[in-house]
Amino acid sequence: MEIWINPACSKCQSALSLLDGEEAQYVVRYYLEEPPTVEEIDAVLQRLALEPWDLTRIGEPAAAELGLAEWPREAGDRTRWIEALAAHPSLIQRPIITADDGTAVLGRSPESVRSVLP
């Protein structure tokens, strides 16, 4: 299992505490320091069954600079959104947990974090 985190994020800290409490085996990825590639983001979106705009932090300064709130949200625009997330990883919602069984969750609640535990 891998968890993408920002160590300054309280939701990430909560997810890590829950995983530790359950003695889960996981690898931490500090995604701001080691940004995911376009391919990795696309794969995670498929596992999450989300579109890139569903995973985007629209309130971030980079989102305002790019004008993301005005971008179209159609299938033909997916690549543009994914490229923006790869170029500006601070726009990615967190924490994202990818489980060994192929599932993934946006671990913003204790319930979602628990859902990937064996």
N, C-alpha and C. Protein backbone atom coordinates (compact mmCIF):
# COMPACT_ATOMS: atom_id res chain seq x y z
N MET A 1 0.85 -1.16 0.00
CA MET A 1 0.00 0.00 0.00
C MET A 1 0.90 1.23 0.00
N GLU A 2 0.46 2.24 -0.74
CA GLU A 2 1.20 3.50 -0.79
C GLU A 2 0.24 4.62 -0.43
N ILE A 3 0.74 5.62 0.28
CA ILE A 3 -0.07 6.78 0.64
C ILE A 3 0.66 8.04 0.20
N TRP A 4 -0.02 8.85 -0.59
CA TRP A 4 0.53 10.13 -1.05
C TRP A 4 0.12 11.18 -0.02
N ILE A 5 1.12 11.84 0.56
CA ILE A 5 0.80 12.81 1.61
C ILE A 5 1.58 14.11 1.46
N ASN A 6 1.04 15.11 2.13
CA ASN A 6 1.72 16.36 2.42
C ASN A 6 1.85 16.35 3.94
N PRO A 7 3.07 16.33 4.49
CA PRO A 7 3.22 16.19 5.94
C PRO A 7 2.58 17.33 6.73
N ALA A 8 2.32 18.47 6.11
CA ALA A 8 1.69 19.60 6.80
C ALA A 8 0.17 19.47 6.85
N CYS A 9 -0.39 18.46 6.21
CA CYS A 9 -1.85 18.29 6.09
C CYS A 9 -2.39 17.48 7.28
N SER A 10 -3.40 18.02 7.95
CA SER A 10 -3.97 17.32 9.11
C SER A 10 -4.69 16.03 8.70
N LYS A 11 -5.33 16.01 7.53
CA LYS A 11 -6.00 14.79 7.06
C LYS A 11 -4.97 13.69 6.79
N CYS A 12 -3.80 14.09 6.27
CA CYS A 12 -2.73 13.11 6.03
C CYS A 12 -2.21 12.57 7.35
N GLN A 13 -2.01 13.44 8.32
CA GLN A 13 -1.53 13.00 9.62
C GLN A 13 -2.53 12.05 10.27
N SER A 14 -3.82 12.34 10.14
CA SER A 14 -4.85 11.47 10.69
C SER A 14 -4.84 10.10 10.02
N ALA A 15 -4.69 10.11 8.69
CA ALA A 15 -4.65 8.83 7.95
C ALA A 15 -3.46 8.00 8.38
N LEU A 16 -2.30 8.64 8.52
CA LEU A 16 -1.11 7.91 8.95
C LEU A 16 -1.29 7.34 10.35
N SER A 17 -1.88 8.11 11.25
CA SER A 17 -2.13 7.63 12.62
C SER A 17 -3.05 6.42 12.61
N LEU A 18 -4.08 6.47 11.80
CA LEU A 18 -5.01 5.35 11.72
C LEU A 18 -4.31 4.12 11.15
N LEU A 19 -3.54 4.29 10.08
CA LEU A 19 -2.80 3.16 9.50
C LEU A 19 -1.82 2.58 10.50
N ASP A 20 -1.12 3.45 11.23
CA ASP A 20 -0.18 2.98 12.24
C ASP A 20 -0.91 2.23 13.36
N GLY A 21 -2.06 2.75 13.76
CA GLY A 21 -2.85 2.10 14.81
C GLY A 21 -3.31 0.71 14.41
N GLU A 22 -3.52 0.53 13.12
CA GLU A 22 -3.94 -0.78 12.60
C GLU A 22 -2.74 -1.64 12.20
N GLU A 23 -1.54 -1.13 12.44
CA GLU A 23 -0.29 -1.82 12.09
C GLU A 23 -0.25 -2.20 10.60
N ALA A 24 -0.77 -1.30 9.77
CA ALA A 24 -0.77 -1.52 8.33
C ALA A 24 0.64 -1.31 7.77
N GLN A 25 0.95 -2.06 6.74
CA GLN A 25 2.22 -1.91 6.03
C GLN A 25 1.99 -0.96 4.87
N TYR A 26 2.77 0.12 4.81
CA TYR A 26 2.58 1.09 3.74
C TYR A 26 3.88 1.82 3.46
N VAL A 27 3.91 2.46 2.30
CA VAL A 27 5.02 3.29 1.88
C VAL A 27 4.49 4.71 1.75
N VAL A 28 5.21 5.67 2.31
CA VAL A 28 4.82 7.07 2.21
C VAL A 28 5.46 7.69 0.98
N ARG A 29 4.65 8.42 0.24
CA ARG A 29 5.16 9.20 -0.88
C ARG A 29 4.83 10.66 -0.61
N TYR A 30 5.87 11.45 -0.46
CA TYR A 30 5.71 12.89 -0.27
C TYR A 30 5.55 13.48 -1.67
N TYR A 31 4.30 13.55 -2.12
CA TYR A 31 4.04 13.85 -3.52
C TYR A 31 4.40 15.27 -3.95
N LEU A 32 4.62 16.17 -3.01
CA LEU A 32 5.09 17.50 -3.38
C LEU A 32 6.58 17.48 -3.71
N GLU A 33 7.31 16.58 -3.06
CA GLU A 33 8.74 16.43 -3.31
C GLU A 33 9.01 15.47 -4.47
N GLU A 34 8.17 14.48 -4.63
CA GLU A 34 8.29 13.48 -5.70
C GLU A 34 6.96 13.45 -6.46
N PRO A 35 6.75 14.47 -7.30
CA PRO A 35 5.44 14.59 -7.97
C PRO A 35 5.14 13.38 -8.86
N PRO A 36 3.87 12.98 -8.86
CA PRO A 36 3.47 11.89 -9.73
C PRO A 36 3.49 12.34 -11.19
N THR A 37 3.74 11.39 -12.07
CA THR A 37 3.75 11.66 -13.50
C THR A 37 2.31 11.70 -14.02
N VAL A 38 2.17 12.15 -15.25
CA VAL A 38 0.86 12.14 -15.91
C VAL A 38 0.30 10.72 -15.89
N GLU A 39 1.14 9.75 -16.20
CA GLU A 39 0.70 8.36 -16.23
C GLU A 39 0.25 7.87 -14.86
N GLU A 40 1.00 8.24 -13.82
CA GLU A 40 0.63 7.83 -12.46
C GLU A 40 -0.69 8.47 -12.03
N ILE A 41 -0.87 9.73 -12.35
CA ILE A 41 -2.12 10.41 -11.99
C ILE A 41 -3.29 9.77 -12.73
N ASP A 42 -3.11 9.49 -14.01
CA ASP A 42 -4.18 8.85 -14.78
C ASP A 42 -4.53 7.49 -14.18
N ALA A 43 -3.51 6.71 -13.81
CA ALA A 43 -3.75 5.39 -13.21
C ALA A 43 -4.50 5.51 -11.88
N VAL A 44 -4.10 6.46 -11.05
CA VAL A 44 -4.78 6.66 -9.77
C VAL A 44 -6.22 7.10 -9.99
N LEU A 45 -6.44 7.98 -10.94
CA LEU A 45 -7.82 8.41 -11.23
C LEU A 45 -8.68 7.23 -11.66
N GLN A 46 -8.12 6.34 -12.45
CA GLN A 46 -8.87 5.15 -12.86
C GLN A 46 -9.20 4.28 -11.65
N ARG A 47 -8.22 4.11 -10.77
CA ARG A 47 -8.45 3.30 -9.57
C ARG A 47 -9.47 3.95 -8.65
N LEU A 48 -9.47 5.28 -8.59
CA LEU A 48 -10.42 6.01 -7.75
C LEU A 48 -11.79 6.14 -8.40
N ALA A 49 -11.86 5.90 -9.71
CA ALA A 49 -13.08 6.12 -10.50
C ALA A 49 -13.52 7.58 -10.42
N LEU A 50 -12.52 8.48 -10.53
CA LEU A 50 -12.77 9.92 -10.49
C LEU A 50 -12.21 10.57 -11.75
N GLU A 51 -12.67 11.76 -12.01
CA GLU A 51 -12.12 12.59 -13.08
C GLU A 51 -11.09 13.53 -12.44
N PRO A 52 -10.16 14.06 -13.23
CA PRO A 52 -9.12 14.90 -12.65
C PRO A 52 -9.66 16.14 -11.93
N TRP A 53 -10.74 16.71 -12.43
CA TRP A 53 -11.31 17.89 -11.77
C TRP A 53 -11.92 17.53 -10.42
N ASP A 54 -12.27 16.25 -10.21
CA ASP A 54 -12.78 15.80 -8.91
C ASP A 54 -11.67 15.74 -7.86
N LEU A 55 -10.44 15.64 -8.32
CA LEU A 55 -9.28 15.48 -7.44
C LEU A 55 -8.50 16.79 -7.28
N THR A 56 -9.00 17.86 -7.89
CA THR A 56 -8.26 19.12 -7.93
C THR A 56 -8.68 20.05 -6.80
N ARG A 57 -7.68 20.62 -6.15
CA ARG A 57 -7.90 21.60 -5.09
C ARG A 57 -8.04 22.98 -5.76
N ILE A 58 -9.25 23.35 -6.08
CA ILE A 58 -9.53 24.58 -6.82
C ILE A 58 -9.18 25.83 -6.01
N GLY A 59 -9.13 25.73 -4.69
CA GLY A 59 -8.83 26.89 -3.85
C GLY A 59 -7.35 27.24 -3.74
N GLU A 60 -6.49 26.43 -4.32
CA GLU A 60 -5.05 26.69 -4.25
C GLU A 60 -4.66 27.87 -5.13
N PRO A 61 -3.61 28.61 -4.74
CA PRO A 61 -3.14 29.72 -5.58
C PRO A 61 -2.81 29.31 -7.02
N ALA A 62 -2.21 28.14 -7.19
CA ALA A 62 -1.88 27.69 -8.55
C ALA A 62 -3.14 27.50 -9.39
N ALA A 63 -4.23 27.09 -8.76
CA ALA A 63 -5.49 26.92 -9.48
C ALA A 63 -6.01 28.27 -9.98
N ALA A 64 -5.89 29.28 -9.12
CA ALA A 64 -6.32 30.62 -9.53
C ALA A 64 -5.45 31.14 -10.66
N GLU A 65 -4.13 30.93 -10.54
CA GLU A 65 -3.22 31.39 -11.59
C GLU A 65 -3.54 30.75 -12.93
N LEU A 66 -3.90 29.47 -12.91
CA LEU A 66 -4.22 28.75 -14.14
C LEU A 66 -5.65 29.00 -14.62
N GLY A 67 -6.48 29.56 -13.75
CA GLY A 67 -7.88 29.78 -14.10
C GLY A 67 -8.68 28.49 -14.16
N LEU A 68 -8.31 27.51 -13.33
CA LEU A 68 -8.94 26.19 -13.37
C LEU A 68 -10.45 26.21 -13.16
N ALA A 69 -10.93 27.14 -12.37
CA ALA A 69 -12.37 27.19 -12.12
C ALA A 69 -13.16 27.40 -13.41
N GLU A 70 -12.51 27.97 -14.41
CA GLU A 70 -13.16 28.25 -15.69
C GLU A 70 -12.93 27.16 -16.73
N TRP A 71 -12.04 26.21 -16.46
CA TRP A 71 -11.73 25.17 -17.45
C TRP A 71 -12.93 24.26 -17.66
N PRO A 72 -13.16 23.84 -18.90
CA PRO A 72 -14.24 22.88 -19.17
C PRO A 72 -13.95 21.54 -18.49
N ARG A 73 -15.01 20.85 -18.15
CA ARG A 73 -14.89 19.56 -17.47
C ARG A 73 -15.57 18.48 -18.31
N GLU A 74 -14.98 18.25 -19.45
CA GLU A 74 -15.50 17.26 -20.40
C GLU A 74 -14.42 16.21 -20.65
N ALA A 75 -14.82 15.06 -21.17
CA ALA A 75 -13.88 13.96 -21.42
C ALA A 75 -12.68 14.43 -22.25
N GLY A 76 -12.90 15.28 -23.21
CA GLY A 76 -11.83 15.77 -24.06
C GLY A 76 -10.83 16.66 -23.35
N ASP A 77 -11.17 17.10 -22.14
CA ASP A 77 -10.30 17.99 -21.37
C ASP A 77 -9.49 17.27 -20.30
N ARG A 78 -9.69 15.96 -20.16
CA ARG A 78 -9.00 15.18 -19.12
C ARG A 78 -7.50 15.36 -19.15
N THR A 79 -6.91 15.23 -20.33
CA THR A 79 -5.45 15.29 -20.45
C THR A 79 -4.92 16.63 -19.97
N ARG A 80 -5.59 17.70 -20.34
CA ARG A 80 -5.18 19.04 -19.91
C ARG A 80 -5.18 19.15 -18.39
N TRP A 81 -6.23 18.64 -17.77
CA TRP A 81 -6.33 18.66 -16.31
C TRP A 81 -5.24 17.81 -15.66
N ILE A 82 -5.03 16.62 -16.19
CA ILE A 82 -4.01 15.72 -15.62
C ILE A 82 -2.63 16.34 -15.76
N GLU A 83 -2.35 16.95 -16.88
CA GLU A 83 -1.06 17.63 -17.07
C GLU A 83 -0.89 18.78 -16.06
N ALA A 84 -1.97 19.50 -15.76
CA ALA A 84 -1.90 20.57 -14.77
C ALA A 84 -1.60 20.01 -13.38
N LEU A 85 -2.22 18.87 -13.04
CA LEU A 85 -1.95 18.23 -11.74
C LEU A 85 -0.51 17.77 -11.65
N ALA A 86 0.01 17.22 -12.73
CA ALA A 86 1.40 16.76 -12.73
C ALA A 86 2.37 17.93 -12.62
N ALA A 87 2.05 19.03 -13.26
CA ALA A 87 2.92 20.21 -13.22
C ALA A 87 2.82 20.97 -11.91
N HIS A 88 1.68 20.85 -11.25
CA HIS A 88 1.42 21.58 -9.99
C HIS A 88 0.84 20.61 -8.96
N PRO A 89 1.66 19.74 -8.38
CA PRO A 89 1.13 18.70 -7.48
C PRO A 89 0.40 19.24 -6.26
N SER A 90 0.61 20.49 -5.90
CA SER A 90 -0.12 21.06 -4.76
C SER A 90 -1.62 21.10 -5.04
N LEU A 91 -2.01 20.93 -6.30
CA LEU A 91 -3.43 20.93 -6.67
C LEU A 91 -4.12 19.60 -6.38
N ILE A 92 -3.36 18.57 -6.07
CA ILE A 92 -3.92 17.23 -5.88
C ILE A 92 -4.47 17.08 -4.46
N GLN A 93 -5.74 16.64 -4.38
CA GLN A 93 -6.33 16.34 -3.07
C GLN A 93 -5.52 15.26 -2.39
N ARG A 94 -5.53 15.24 -1.09
CA ARG A 94 -4.75 14.27 -0.33
C ARG A 94 -5.48 13.91 0.96
N PRO A 95 -5.08 12.82 1.56
CA PRO A 95 -4.14 11.80 1.12
C PRO A 95 -4.81 10.83 0.14
N ILE A 96 -4.00 10.29 -0.73
CA ILE A 96 -4.47 9.24 -1.65
C ILE A 96 -3.78 7.95 -1.23
N ILE A 97 -4.59 6.92 -1.04
CA ILE A 97 -4.05 5.62 -0.64
C ILE A 97 -4.33 4.63 -1.76
N THR A 98 -3.28 4.00 -2.25
CA THR A 98 -3.42 2.94 -3.25
C THR A 98 -3.13 1.62 -2.55
N ALA A 99 -4.10 0.74 -2.58
CA ALA A 99 -3.97 -0.55 -1.90
C ALA A 99 -3.39 -1.60 -2.83
N ASP A 100 -2.84 -2.62 -2.22
CA ASP A 100 -2.22 -3.71 -2.97
C ASP A 100 -3.22 -4.49 -3.82
N ASP A 101 -4.50 -4.43 -3.48
CA ASP A 101 -5.51 -5.19 -4.24
C ASP A 101 -6.01 -4.43 -5.47
N GLY A 102 -5.41 -3.25 -5.76
CA GLY A 102 -5.80 -2.48 -6.93
C GLY A 102 -6.80 -1.38 -6.65
N THR A 103 -7.32 -1.33 -5.44
CA THR A 103 -8.25 -0.26 -5.10
C THR A 103 -7.47 0.98 -4.66
N ALA A 104 -8.17 2.07 -4.59
CA ALA A 104 -7.58 3.32 -4.09
C ALA A 104 -8.69 4.15 -3.47
N VAL A 105 -8.30 5.00 -2.53
CA VAL A 105 -9.27 5.90 -1.90
C VAL A 105 -8.62 7.26 -1.67
N LEU A 106 -9.47 8.24 -1.64
CA LEU A 106 -9.08 9.56 -1.15
C LEU A 106 -9.36 9.49 0.34
N GLY A 107 -8.29 9.42 1.14
CA GLY A 107 -8.42 9.12 2.56
C GLY A 107 -8.70 10.31 3.45
N ARG A 108 -9.73 11.07 3.13
CA ARG A 108 -10.03 12.27 3.91
C ARG A 108 -10.88 11.97 5.15
N SER A 109 -11.42 10.76 5.22
CA SER A 109 -12.19 10.38 6.41
C SER A 109 -11.65 9.07 6.96
N PRO A 110 -11.84 8.82 8.25
CA PRO A 110 -11.39 7.55 8.82
C PRO A 110 -12.03 6.35 8.12
N GLU A 111 -13.30 6.48 7.72
CA GLU A 111 -13.99 5.39 7.05
C GLU A 111 -13.32 5.03 5.73
N SER A 112 -12.92 6.06 4.95
CA SER A 112 -12.29 5.76 3.67
C SER A 112 -10.93 5.13 3.87
N VAL A 113 -10.18 5.56 4.88
CA VAL A 113 -8.89 4.95 5.17
C VAL A 113 -9.09 3.49 5.56
N ARG A 114 -10.03 3.23 6.43
CA ARG A 114 -10.29 1.86 6.87
C ARG A 114 -10.72 0.95 5.72
N SER A 115 -11.34 1.53 4.71
CA SER A 115 -11.87 0.72 3.62
C SER A 115 -10.78 0.01 2.81
N VAL A 116 -9.53 0.47 2.90
CA VAL A 116 -8.45 -0.18 2.15
C VAL A 116 -7.64 -1.14 3.02
N LEU A 117 -8.00 -1.25 4.28
CA LEU A 117 -7.29 -2.17 5.16
C LEU A 117 -7.75 -3.60 4.90
N PRO A 118 -6.82 -4.55 5.00
CA PRO A 118 -7.22 -5.96 4.77
C PRO A 118 -8.17 -6.45 5.84
